Amino acid sequence: MISQFKKRSFIDMNFSRITDNPFIFLSWVTAIGLFISLTEATIKIKLEKRNLYRKKIELIKSLYPKKLV
């Protein structure tokens, strides 16, 4: 069954046809954009959690009395 198909090497592929179909191009751009957006959102959420944790620690430390000498 494999012999029925013409084996193409990587060099023989015509990459100029990819941009001929705007749907494929827009799909790739959208996929890359979604990946970047999700990565950015994940980083922002992690930074906000870390900053919130630090603020909680500072607030707790400020509630306890300081050492009186």
PDB file of N, CA and C in Angstrom:
ATOM      1  N   MET A   1       0.823  -1.191   0.000  1.00  0.00           N
ATOM      2  CA  MET A   1       0.000   0.000   0.000  1.00  0.00           C
ATOM      3  C   MET A   1       0.867   1.253   0.000  1.00  0.00           C
ATOM      4  N   ILE A   2       2.009   1.201   0.649  1.00  0.00           N
ATOM      5  CA  ILE A   2       2.904   2.359   0.660  1.00  0.00           C
ATOM      6  C   ILE A   2       3.456   2.612  -0.737  1.00  0.00           C
ATOM      7  N   SER A   3       3.620   1.552  -1.496  1.00  0.00           N
ATOM      8  CA  SER A   3       4.185   1.727  -2.836  1.00  0.00           C
ATOM      9  C   SER A   3       3.238   2.460  -3.772  1.00  0.00           C
ATOM     10  N   GLN A   4       1.951   2.542  -3.430  1.00  0.00           N
ATOM     11  CA  GLN A   4       0.995   3.249  -4.283  1.00  0.00           C
ATOM     12  C   GLN A   4       1.221   4.755  -4.237  1.00  0.00           C
ATOM     13  N   PHE A   5       1.700   5.260  -3.112  1.00  0.00           N
ATOM     14  CA  PHE A   5       1.920   6.692  -2.966  1.00  0.00           C
ATOM     15  C   PHE A   5       3.327   7.058  -3.401  1.00  0.00           C
ATOM     16  N   LYS A   6       3.404   8.216  -4.024  1.00  0.00           N
ATOM     17  CA  LYS A   6       4.722   8.708  -4.423  1.00  0.00           C
ATOM     18  C   LYS A   6       5.416   9.266  -3.188  1.00  0.00           C
ATOM     19  N   LYS A   7       6.574   8.753  -2.890  1.00  0.00           N
ATOM     20  CA  LYS A   7       7.317   9.232  -1.733  1.00  0.00           C
ATOM     21  C   LYS A   7       7.950  10.572  -2.075  1.00  0.00           C
ATOM     22  N   ARG A   8       7.670  11.554  -1.213  1.00  0.00           N
ATOM     23  CA  ARG A   8       8.233  12.883  -1.426  1.00  0.00           C
ATOM     24  C   ARG A   8       9.258  13.172  -0.340  1.00  0.00           C
ATOM     25  N   SER A   9      10.316  13.757  -0.738  1.00  0.00           N
ATOM     26  CA  SER A   9      11.299  14.167   0.255  1.00  0.00           C
ATOM     27  C   SER A   9      10.981  15.587   0.704  1.00  0.00           C
ATOM     28  N   PHE A  10      11.644  16.016   1.753  1.00  0.00           N
ATOM     29  CA  PHE A  10      11.433  17.357   2.297  1.00  0.00           C
ATOM     30  C   PHE A  10      11.831  18.425   1.285  1.00  0.00           C
ATOM     31  N   ILE A  11      12.810  18.134   0.463  1.00  0.00           N
ATOM     32  CA  ILE A  11      13.308  19.100  -0.516  1.00  0.00           C
ATOM     33  C   ILE A  11      12.295  19.293  -1.654  1.00  0.00           C
ATOM     34  N   ASP A  12      11.557  18.253  -1.988  1.00  0.00           N
ATOM     35  CA  ASP A  12      10.614  18.325  -3.101  1.00  0.00           C
ATOM     36  C   ASP A  12       9.324  19.056  -2.767  1.00  0.00           C
ATOM     37  N   MET A  13       9.081  19.358  -1.507  1.00  0.00           N
ATOM     38  CA  MET A  13       7.818  20.004  -1.143  1.00  0.00           C
ATOM     39  C   MET A  13       7.817  21.453  -1.600  1.00  0.00           C
ATOM     40  N   ASN A  14       6.667  21.905  -2.052  1.00  0.00           N
ATOM     41  CA  ASN A  14       6.523  23.271  -2.545  1.00  0.00           C
ATOM     42  C   ASN A  14       5.867  24.105  -1.450  1.00  0.00           C
ATOM     43  N   PHE A  15       6.671  24.894  -0.728  1.00  0.00           N
ATOM     44  CA  PHE A  15       6.136  25.679   0.377  1.00  0.00           C
ATOM     45  C   PHE A  15       5.482  26.969  -0.091  1.00  0.00           C
ATOM     46  N   SER A  16       5.614  27.338  -1.347  1.00  0.00           N
ATOM     47  CA  SER A  16       4.985  28.557  -1.829  1.00  0.00           C
ATOM     48  C   SER A  16       3.476  28.400  -1.935  1.00  0.00           C
ATOM     49  N   ARG A  17       2.970  27.186  -1.949  1.00  0.00           N
ATOM     50  CA  ARG A  17       1.532  26.967  -2.040  1.00  0.00           C
ATOM     51  C   ARG A  17       0.830  27.174  -0.703  1.00  0.00           C
ATOM     52  N   ILE A  18       1.572  27.218   0.386  1.00  0.00           N
ATOM     53  CA  ILE A  18       0.960  27.375   1.704  1.00  0.00           C
ATOM     54  C   ILE A  18       0.276  28.721   1.820  1.00  0.00           C
ATOM     55  N   THR A  19       0.889  29.780   1.329  1.00  0.00           N
ATOM     56  CA  THR A  19       0.302  31.109   1.446  1.00  0.00           C
ATOM     57  C   THR A  19      -0.802  31.335   0.418  1.00  0.00           C
ATOM     58  N   ASP A  20      -0.982  30.438  -0.534  1.00  0.00           N
ATOM     59  CA  ASP A  20      -2.059  30.604  -1.502  1.00  0.00           C
ATOM     60  C   ASP A  20      -3.424  30.434  -0.855  1.00  0.00           C
ATOM     61  N   ASN A  21      -3.502  29.642   0.171  1.00  0.00           N
ATOM     62  CA  ASN A  21      -4.767  29.433   0.855  1.00  0.00           C
ATOM     63  C   ASN A  21      -4.797  30.304   2.105  1.00  0.00           C
ATOM     64  N   PRO A  22      -5.583  31.378   2.119  1.00  0.00           N
ATOM     65  CA  PRO A  22      -5.592  32.283   3.281  1.00  0.00           C
ATOM     66  C   PRO A  22      -6.153  31.634   4.536  1.00  0.00           C
ATOM     67  N   PHE A  23      -7.013  30.633   4.382  1.00  0.00           N
ATOM     68  CA  PHE A  23      -7.574  29.964   5.555  1.00  0.00           C
ATOM     69  C   PHE A  23      -6.486  29.260   6.363  1.00  0.00           C
ATOM     70  N   ILE A  24      -5.577  28.594   5.681  1.00  0.00           N
ATOM     71  CA  ILE A  24      -4.487  27.896   6.374  1.00  0.00           C
ATOM     72  C   ILE A  24      -3.565  28.900   7.050  1.00  0.00           C
ATOM     73  N   PHE A  25      -3.257  29.983   6.343  1.00  0.00           N
ATOM     74  CA  PHE A  25      -2.389  31.012   6.915  1.00  0.00           C
ATOM     75  C   PHE A  25      -3.027  31.634   8.152  1.00  0.00           C
ATOM     76  N   LEU A  26      -4.307  31.986   8.063  1.00  0.00           N
ATOM     77  CA  LEU A  26      -4.986  32.594   9.214  1.00  0.00           C
ATOM     78  C   LEU A  26      -5.134  31.604  10.367  1.00  0.00           C
ATOM     79  N   SER A  27      -5.275  30.335  10.058  1.00  0.00           N
ATOM     80  CA  SER A  27      -5.348  29.323  11.109  1.00  0.00           C
ATOM     81  C   SER A  27      -4.031  29.262  11.883  1.00  0.00           C
ATOM     82  N   TRP A  28      -2.921  29.288  11.172  1.00  0.00           N
ATOM     83  CA  TRP A  28      -1.607  29.265  11.831  1.00  0.00           C
ATOM     84  C   TRP A  28      -1.386  30.519  12.659  1.00  0.00           C
ATOM     85  N   VAL A  29      -1.741  31.666  12.110  1.00  0.00           N
ATOM     86  CA  VAL A  29      -1.560  32.917  12.841  1.00  0.00           C
ATOM     87  C   VAL A  29      -2.420  32.919  14.100  1.00  0.00           C
ATOM     88  N   THR A  30      -3.652  32.432  13.975  1.00  0.00           N
ATOM     89  CA  THR A  30      -4.547  32.371  15.136  1.00  0.00           C
ATOM     90  C   THR A  30      -4.018  31.408  16.186  1.00  0.00           C
ATOM     91  N   ALA A  31      -3.530  30.265  15.766  1.00  0.00           N
ATOM     92  CA  ALA A  31      -2.997  29.286  16.710  1.00  0.00           C
ATOM     93  C   ALA A  31      -1.786  29.836  17.450  1.00  0.00           C
ATOM     94  N   ILE A  32      -0.909  30.490  16.736  1.00  0.00           N
ATOM     95  CA  ILE A  32       0.282  31.077  17.368  1.00  0.00           C
ATOM     96  C   ILE A  32      -0.134  32.192  18.324  1.00  0.00           C
ATOM     97  N   GLY A  33      -1.099  33.019  17.910  1.00  0.00           N
ATOM     98  CA  GLY A  33      -1.590  34.095  18.769  1.00  0.00           C
ATOM     99  C   GLY A  33      -2.236  33.567  20.047  1.00  0.00           C
ATOM    100  N   LEU A  34      -3.014  32.506  19.926  1.00  0.00           N
ATOM    101  CA  LEU A  34      -3.631  31.905  21.111  1.00  0.00           C
ATOM    102  C   LEU A  34      -2.585  31.337  22.052  1.00  0.00           C
ATOM    103  N   PHE A  35      -1.571  30.704  21.501  1.00  0.00           N
ATOM    104  CA  PHE A  35      -0.493  30.159  22.328  1.00  0.00           C
ATOM    105  C   PHE A  35       0.224  31.269  23.086  1.00  0.00           C
ATOM    106  N   ILE A  36       0.529  32.357  22.400  1.00  0.00           N
ATOM    107  CA  ILE A  36       1.210  33.485  23.050  1.00  0.00           C
ATOM    108  C   ILE A  36       0.308  34.091  24.121  1.00  0.00           C
ATOM    109  N   SER A  37      -0.971  34.238  23.828  1.00  0.00           N
ATOM    110  CA  SER A  37      -1.909  34.820  24.780  1.00  0.00           C
ATOM    111  C   SER A  37      -2.055  33.955  26.028  1.00  0.00           C
ATOM    112  N   LEU A  38      -2.170  32.648  25.843  1.00  0.00           N
ATOM    113  CA  LEU A  38      -2.282  31.756  26.993  1.00  0.00           C
ATOM    114  C   LEU A  38      -1.017  31.752  27.837  1.00  0.00           C
ATOM    115  N   THR A  39       0.126  31.822  27.183  1.00  0.00           N
ATOM    116  CA  THR A  39       1.391  31.877  27.914  1.00  0.00           C
ATOM    117  C   THR A  39       1.480  33.163  28.730  1.00  0.00           C
ATOM    118  N   GLU A  40       1.104  34.275  28.117  1.00  0.00           N
ATOM    119  CA  GLU A  40       1.142  35.557  28.815  1.00  0.00           C
ATOM    120  C   GLU A  40       0.182  35.559  30.008  1.00  0.00           C
ATOM    121  N   ALA A  41      -1.018  35.021  29.819  1.00  0.00           N
ATOM    122  CA  ALA A  41      -1.995  34.973  30.908  1.00  0.00           C
ATOM    123  C   ALA A  41      -1.495  34.092  32.050  1.00  0.00           C
ATOM    124  N   THR A  42      -0.879  32.985  31.730  1.00  0.00           N
ATOM    125  CA  THR A  42      -0.349  32.096  32.764  1.00  0.00           C
ATOM    126  C   THR A  42       0.736  32.786  33.574  1.00  0.00           C
ATOM    127  N   ILE A  43       1.616  33.486  32.894  1.00  0.00           N
ATOM    128  CA  ILE A  43       2.693  34.204  33.598  1.00  0.00           C
ATOM    129  C   ILE A  43       2.114  35.302  34.486  1.00  0.00           C
ATOM    130  N   LYS A  44       1.122  36.040  33.982  1.00  0.00           N
ATOM    131  CA  LYS A  44       0.516  37.111  34.782  1.00  0.00           C
ATOM    132  C   LYS A  44      -0.170  36.555  36.021  1.00  0.00           C
ATOM    133  N   ILE A  45      -0.879  35.444  35.873  1.00  0.00           N
ATOM    134  CA  ILE A  45      -1.560  34.845  37.021  1.00  0.00           C
ATOM    135  C   ILE A  45      -0.549  34.397  38.066  1.00  0.00           C
ATOM    136  N   LYS A  46       0.543  33.783  37.638  1.00  0.00           N
ATOM    137  CA  LYS A  46       1.565  33.339  38.590  1.00  0.00           C
ATOM    138  C   LYS A  46       2.202  34.522  39.312  1.00  0.00           C
ATOM    139  N   LEU A  47       2.465  35.602  38.584  1.00  0.00           N
ATOM    140  CA  LEU A  47       3.056  36.786  39.211  1.00  0.00           C
ATOM    141  C   LEU A  47       2.085  37.428  40.197  1.00  0.00           C
ATOM    142  N   GLU A  48       0.797  37.483  39.841  1.00  0.00           N
ATOM    143  CA  GLU A  48      -0.187  38.055  40.755  1.00  0.00           C
ATOM    144  C   GLU A  48      -0.318  37.222  42.021  1.00  0.00           C
ATOM    145  N   LYS A  49      -0.293  35.905  41.891  1.00  0.00           N
ATOM    146  CA  LYS A  49      -0.360  35.040  43.072  1.00  0.00           C
ATOM    147  C   LYS A  49       0.846  35.260  43.971  1.00  0.00           C
ATOM    148  N   ARG A  50       2.024  35.380  43.349  1.00  0.00           N
ATOM    149  CA  ARG A  50       3.237  35.591  44.133  1.00  0.00           C
ATOM    150  C   ARG A  50       3.200  36.935  44.854  1.00  0.00           C
ATOM    151  N   ASN A  51       2.755  37.980  44.157  1.00  0.00           N
ATOM    152  CA  ASN A  51       2.672  39.298  44.773  1.00  0.00           C
ATOM    153  C   ASN A  51       1.633  39.333  45.893  1.00  0.00           C
ATOM    154  N   LEU A  52       0.515  38.648  45.691  1.00  0.00           N
ATOM    155  CA  LEU A  52      -0.514  38.589  46.721  1.00  0.00           C
ATOM    156  C   LEU A  52       0.005  37.858  47.955  1.00  0.00           C
ATOM    157  N   TYR A  53       0.746  36.786  47.742  1.00  0.00           N
ATOM    158  CA  TYR A  53       1.327  36.043  48.857  1.00  0.00           C
ATOM    159  C   TYR A  53       2.298  36.928  49.637  1.00  0.00           C
ATOM    160  N   ARG A  54       3.129  37.673  48.922  1.00  0.00           N
ATOM    161  CA  ARG A  54       4.078  38.570  49.600  1.00  0.00           C
ATOM    162  C   ARG A  54       3.355  39.644  50.400  1.00  0.00           C
ATOM    163  N   LYS A  55       2.271  40.186  49.851  1.00  0.00           N
ATOM    164  CA  LYS A  55       1.506  41.206  50.577  1.00  0.00           C
ATOM    165  C   LYS A  55       0.865  40.622  51.836  1.00  0.00           C
ATOM    166  N   LYS A  56       0.375  39.395  51.744  1.00  0.00           N
ATOM    167  CA  LYS A  56      -0.211  38.753  52.920  1.00  0.00           C
ATOM    168  C   LYS A  56       0.838  38.565  54.003  1.00  0.00           C
ATOM    169  N   ILE A  57       2.028  38.124  53.604  1.00  0.00           N
ATOM    170  CA  ILE A  57       3.116  37.924  54.576  1.00  0.00           C
ATOM    171  C   ILE A  57       3.476  39.246  55.246  1.00  0.00           C
ATOM    172  N   GLU A  58       3.583  40.318  54.473  1.00  0.00           N
ATOM    173  CA  GLU A  58       3.913  41.625  55.043  1.00  0.00           C
ATOM    174  C   GLU A  58       2.818  42.103  55.988  1.00  0.00           C
ATOM    175  N   LEU A  59       1.560  41.862  55.635  1.00  0.00           N
ATOM    176  CA  LEU A  59       0.457  42.274  56.501  1.00  0.00           C
ATOM    177  C   LEU A  59       0.468  41.487  57.802  1.00  0.00           C
ATOM    178  N   ILE A  60       0.717  40.205  57.738  1.00  0.00           N
ATOM    179  CA  ILE A  60       0.779  39.374  58.944  1.00  0.00           C
ATOM    180  C   ILE A  60       1.935  39.815  59.829  1.00  0.00           C
ATOM    181  N   LYS A  61       3.084  40.106  59.220  1.00  0.00           N
ATOM    182  CA  LYS A  61       4.237  40.553  60.010  1.00  0.00           C
ATOM    183  C   LYS A  61       3.962  41.899  60.676  1.00  0.00           C
ATOM    184  N   SER A  62       3.206  42.765  60.013  1.00  0.00           N
ATOM    185  CA  SER A  62       2.924  44.076  60.595  1.00  0.00           C
ATOM    186  C   SER A  62       1.916  43.986  61.753  1.00  0.00           C
ATOM    187  N   LEU A  63       1.150  42.903  61.840  1.00  0.00           N
ATOM    188  CA  LEU A  63       0.175  42.758  62.908  1.00  0.00           C
ATOM    189  C   LEU A  63       0.810  42.354  64.231  1.00  0.00           C
ATOM    190  N   TYR A  64       1.896  41.585  64.160  1.00  0.00           N
ATOM    191  CA  TYR A  64       2.561  41.154  65.381  1.00  0.00           C
ATOM    192  C   TYR A  64       3.378  42.307  65.961  1.00  0.00           C
ATOM    193  N   PRO A  65       3.438  42.377  67.293  1.00  0.00           N
ATOM    194  CA  PRO A  65       4.216  43.475  67.877  1.00  0.00           C
ATOM    195  C   PRO A  65       5.711  43.288  67.612  1.00  0.00           C
ATOM    196  N   LYS A  66       6.336  44.381  67.425  1.00  0.00           N
ATOM    197  CA  LYS A  66       7.770  44.337  67.188  1.00  0.00           C
ATOM    198  C   LYS A  66       8.501  44.156  68.516  1.00  0.00           C
ATOM    199  N   LYS A  67       9.730  43.744  68.428  1.00  0.00           N
ATOM    200  CA  LYS A  67      10.512  43.525  69.655  1.00  0.00           C
ATOM    201  C   LYS A  67      10.725  44.862  70.378  1.00  0.00           C
ATOM    202  N   LEU A  68      10.392  44.857  71.633  1.00  0.00           N
ATOM    203  CA  LEU A  68      10.597  46.070  72.448  1.00  0.00           C
ATOM    204  C   LEU A  68      11.887  45.892  73.247  1.00  0.00           C
ATOM    205  N   VAL A  69      12.780  46.795  73.060  1.00  0.00           N
ATOM    206  CA  VAL A  69      14.060  46.697  73.752  1.00  0.00           C
ATOM    207  C   VAL A  69      14.102  47.671  74.885  1.00  0.00           C
TER     208      VAL A  69
END
